[in-house]
Amino acid sequence: MNLQYISDGEGETTGVFIPIKEWNKLRKKITDIELELDDIPDWHEDVVRERLVGYEKNPGSALDFDDTLDEIEKLL
């Protein structure tokens, strides 16, 4: 298999690129792979949609991810 690894600026592997021919071979071998890709529950999609509507109404209410993570880590 001819995989290409994707790395960030620090050299840490962050992903894998699979050529389409290889992907199609995998899809034939692993019959449930499509189910795994599309297995997002409806309730989860509904929650995300609701949150997007809330954000669009008040974008200033969003928290910065890094700042929020720092605050959580202080509490641990």
N, C-alpha and C. Protein backbone atom coordinates (compact mmCIF):
# COMPACT_ATOMS: atom_id res chain seq x y z
N MET A 1 0.85 -1.17 0.00
CA MET A 1 0.00 0.00 0.00
C MET A 1 0.90 1.24 0.00
N ASN A 2 0.57 2.20 -0.82
CA ASN A 2 1.38 3.40 -0.98
C ASN A 2 0.77 4.56 -0.18
N LEU A 3 1.01 4.54 1.14
CA LEU A 3 0.47 5.58 2.01
C LEU A 3 1.44 6.75 2.09
N GLN A 4 0.89 7.94 2.25
CA GLN A 4 1.70 9.13 2.48
C GLN A 4 1.31 9.71 3.83
N TYR A 5 2.30 9.90 4.68
CA TYR A 5 2.05 10.42 6.01
C TYR A 5 2.13 11.94 6.00
N ILE A 6 1.22 12.57 6.72
CA ILE A 6 1.15 14.02 6.80
C ILE A 6 1.65 14.44 8.18
N SER A 7 2.57 15.40 8.20
CA SER A 7 3.15 15.85 9.46
C SER A 7 2.92 17.34 9.66
N ASP A 8 2.91 17.74 10.93
CA ASP A 8 2.78 19.17 11.23
C ASP A 8 4.16 19.82 11.22
N GLY A 9 4.23 21.10 11.57
CA GLY A 9 5.47 21.85 11.55
C GLY A 9 6.54 21.33 12.49
N GLU A 10 6.12 20.53 13.47
CA GLU A 10 7.07 19.98 14.44
C GLU A 10 7.48 18.56 14.09
N GLY A 11 7.04 18.08 12.93
CA GLY A 11 7.40 16.74 12.50
C GLY A 11 6.53 15.64 13.07
N GLU A 12 5.46 16.01 13.77
CA GLU A 12 4.55 15.04 14.37
C GLU A 12 3.57 14.56 13.30
N THR A 13 3.40 13.25 13.16
CA THR A 13 2.48 12.71 12.18
C THR A 13 1.05 13.04 12.61
N THR A 14 0.30 13.68 11.71
CA THR A 14 -1.06 14.11 12.03
C THR A 14 -2.12 13.47 11.13
N GLY A 15 -1.70 12.76 10.11
CA GLY A 15 -2.67 12.14 9.22
C GLY A 15 -2.02 11.23 8.21
N VAL A 16 -2.88 10.60 7.42
CA VAL A 16 -2.42 9.67 6.39
C VAL A 16 -3.23 9.93 5.13
N PHE A 17 -2.54 10.00 4.01
CA PHE A 17 -3.21 10.12 2.72
C PHE A 17 -3.20 8.75 2.07
N ILE A 18 -4.38 8.27 1.68
CA ILE A 18 -4.51 6.98 1.02
C ILE A 18 -4.94 7.24 -0.42
N PRO A 19 -4.15 6.83 -1.40
CA PRO A 19 -4.55 7.01 -2.80
C PRO A 19 -5.91 6.35 -3.06
N ILE A 20 -6.70 6.93 -3.95
CA ILE A 20 -8.07 6.48 -4.18
C ILE A 20 -8.14 5.02 -4.59
N LYS A 21 -7.19 4.53 -5.37
CA LYS A 21 -7.20 3.12 -5.77
C LYS A 21 -7.06 2.22 -4.54
N GLU A 22 -6.18 2.60 -3.63
CA GLU A 22 -5.99 1.82 -2.41
C GLU A 22 -7.25 1.91 -1.53
N TRP A 23 -7.84 3.09 -1.45
CA TRP A 23 -9.05 3.28 -0.66
C TRP A 23 -10.18 2.38 -1.18
N ASN A 24 -10.33 2.34 -2.50
CA ASN A 24 -11.38 1.50 -3.08
C ASN A 24 -11.14 0.02 -2.80
N LYS A 25 -9.87 -0.40 -2.79
CA LYS A 25 -9.55 -1.79 -2.43
C LYS A 25 -9.94 -2.07 -0.98
N LEU A 26 -9.62 -1.13 -0.10
CA LEU A 26 -9.99 -1.29 1.32
C LEU A 26 -11.50 -1.38 1.49
N ARG A 27 -12.22 -0.54 0.77
CA ARG A 27 -13.68 -0.54 0.88
C ARG A 27 -14.26 -1.89 0.47
N LYS A 28 -13.64 -2.54 -0.50
CA LYS A 28 -14.13 -3.86 -0.93
C LYS A 28 -13.80 -4.92 0.12
N LYS A 29 -12.62 -4.81 0.75
CA LYS A 29 -12.21 -5.79 1.74
C LYS A 29 -12.96 -5.63 3.06
N ILE A 30 -13.17 -4.40 3.47
CA ILE A 30 -13.80 -4.12 4.75
C ILE A 30 -15.20 -3.59 4.46
N THR A 31 -16.16 -4.50 4.47
CA THR A 31 -17.51 -4.15 4.02
C THR A 31 -18.20 -3.13 4.91
N ASP A 32 -17.84 -3.06 6.19
CA ASP A 32 -18.49 -2.13 7.11
C ASP A 32 -17.83 -0.77 7.17
N ILE A 33 -16.80 -0.53 6.35
CA ILE A 33 -16.05 0.73 6.46
C ILE A 33 -16.95 1.94 6.17
N GLU A 34 -17.86 1.81 5.24
CA GLU A 34 -18.76 2.93 4.93
C GLU A 34 -19.70 3.21 6.10
N LEU A 35 -20.11 2.15 6.80
CA LEU A 35 -20.98 2.35 7.97
C LEU A 35 -20.25 3.14 9.04
N GLU A 36 -18.97 2.88 9.21
CA GLU A 36 -18.18 3.60 10.20
C GLU A 36 -18.08 5.07 9.83
N LEU A 37 -17.95 5.36 8.56
CA LEU A 37 -17.79 6.74 8.11
C LEU A 37 -19.08 7.53 8.25
N ASP A 38 -20.20 6.89 8.05
CA ASP A 38 -21.48 7.59 8.04
C ASP A 38 -22.28 7.37 9.32
N ASP A 39 -21.68 6.81 10.33
CA ASP A 39 -22.41 6.43 11.53
C ASP A 39 -22.46 7.57 12.55
N ILE A 40 -23.04 8.70 12.12
CA ILE A 40 -23.24 9.83 13.03
C ILE A 40 -24.72 9.82 13.41
N PRO A 41 -25.01 9.68 14.69
CA PRO A 41 -26.42 9.62 15.09
C PRO A 41 -27.16 10.91 14.76
N ASP A 42 -28.42 10.79 14.44
CA ASP A 42 -29.24 11.96 14.12
C ASP A 42 -29.26 12.96 15.26
N TRP A 43 -29.32 12.48 16.51
CA TRP A 43 -29.38 13.39 17.65
C TRP A 43 -28.12 14.23 17.74
N HIS A 44 -26.99 13.65 17.33
CA HIS A 44 -25.73 14.39 17.37
C HIS A 44 -25.74 15.51 16.33
N GLU A 45 -26.23 15.20 15.14
CA GLU A 45 -26.34 16.23 14.11
C GLU A 45 -27.28 17.34 14.56
N ASP A 46 -28.37 16.97 15.24
CA ASP A 46 -29.32 17.97 15.74
C ASP A 46 -28.66 18.90 16.74
N VAL A 47 -27.87 18.35 17.66
CA VAL A 47 -27.18 19.17 18.66
C VAL A 47 -26.22 20.14 17.99
N VAL A 48 -25.48 19.66 17.01
CA VAL A 48 -24.52 20.52 16.30
C VAL A 48 -25.27 21.65 15.58
N ARG A 49 -26.37 21.31 14.92
CA ARG A 49 -27.16 22.35 14.23
C ARG A 49 -27.67 23.41 15.21
N GLU A 50 -28.17 22.96 16.37
CA GLU A 50 -28.66 23.90 17.39
C GLU A 50 -27.54 24.82 17.86
N ARG A 51 -26.38 24.26 18.07
CA ARG A 51 -25.26 25.07 18.54
C ARG A 51 -24.81 26.06 17.48
N LEU A 52 -24.86 25.66 16.22
CA LEU A 52 -24.50 26.59 15.14
C LEU A 52 -25.48 27.76 15.07
N VAL A 53 -26.76 27.47 15.25
CA VAL A 53 -27.77 28.54 15.26
C VAL A 53 -27.48 29.50 16.41
N GLY A 54 -27.18 28.94 17.58
CA GLY A 54 -26.85 29.78 18.73
C GLY A 54 -25.62 30.64 18.49
N TYR A 55 -24.62 30.06 17.86
CA TYR A 55 -23.41 30.82 17.55
C TYR A 55 -23.69 31.93 16.54
N GLU A 56 -24.48 31.61 15.52
CA GLU A 56 -24.79 32.61 14.50
C GLU A 56 -25.56 33.79 15.10
N LYS A 57 -26.38 33.53 16.10
CA LYS A 57 -27.14 34.60 16.76
C LYS A 57 -26.24 35.45 17.64
N ASN A 58 -25.20 34.83 18.23
CA ASN A 58 -24.33 35.55 19.14
C ASN A 58 -22.89 35.03 19.04
N PRO A 59 -22.18 35.39 17.96
CA PRO A 59 -20.82 34.87 17.78
C PRO A 59 -19.85 35.29 18.88
N GLY A 60 -20.15 36.37 19.58
CA GLY A 60 -19.27 36.82 20.65
C GLY A 60 -19.31 35.92 21.89
N SER A 61 -20.27 35.01 21.92
CA SER A 61 -20.39 34.12 23.07
C SER A 61 -19.43 32.93 23.00
N ALA A 62 -18.81 32.74 21.86
CA ALA A 62 -17.89 31.60 21.69
C ALA A 62 -16.63 31.81 22.53
N LEU A 63 -16.14 30.73 23.07
CA LEU A 63 -14.92 30.77 23.88
C LEU A 63 -13.72 30.34 23.04
N ASP A 64 -12.58 30.91 23.34
CA ASP A 64 -11.35 30.51 22.66
C ASP A 64 -10.96 29.12 23.17
N PHE A 65 -10.69 28.21 22.26
CA PHE A 65 -10.39 26.83 22.63
C PHE A 65 -9.18 26.73 23.54
N ASP A 66 -8.06 27.35 23.15
CA ASP A 66 -6.83 27.25 23.93
C ASP A 66 -7.00 27.85 25.32
N ASP A 67 -7.66 29.00 25.40
CA ASP A 67 -7.90 29.63 26.71
C ASP A 67 -8.78 28.75 27.59
N THR A 68 -9.80 28.19 27.00
CA THR A 68 -10.71 27.33 27.76
C THR A 68 -10.00 26.08 28.24
N LEU A 69 -9.18 25.48 27.38
CA LEU A 69 -8.41 24.30 27.77
C LEU A 69 -7.46 24.63 28.92
N ASP A 70 -6.81 25.79 28.85
CA ASP A 70 -5.92 26.23 29.93
C ASP A 70 -6.68 26.34 31.25
N GLU A 71 -7.88 26.90 31.20
CA GLU A 71 -8.69 27.06 32.41
C GLU A 71 -9.07 25.69 32.99
N ILE A 72 -9.43 24.76 32.11
CA ILE A 72 -9.79 23.42 32.57
C ILE A 72 -8.59 22.74 33.21
N GLU A 73 -7.42 22.87 32.60
CA GLU A 73 -6.22 22.23 33.13
C GLU A 73 -5.84 22.81 34.51
N LYS A 74 -6.12 24.07 34.73
CA LYS A 74 -5.85 24.68 36.05
C LYS A 74 -6.71 24.03 37.13
N LEU A 75 -7.90 23.61 36.76
CA LEU A 75 -8.83 23.02 37.72
C LEU A 75 -8.50 21.56 38.05
N LEU A 76 -7.67 20.95 37.24
CA LEU A 76 -7.36 19.52 37.45
C LEU A 76 -6.28 19.32 38.48
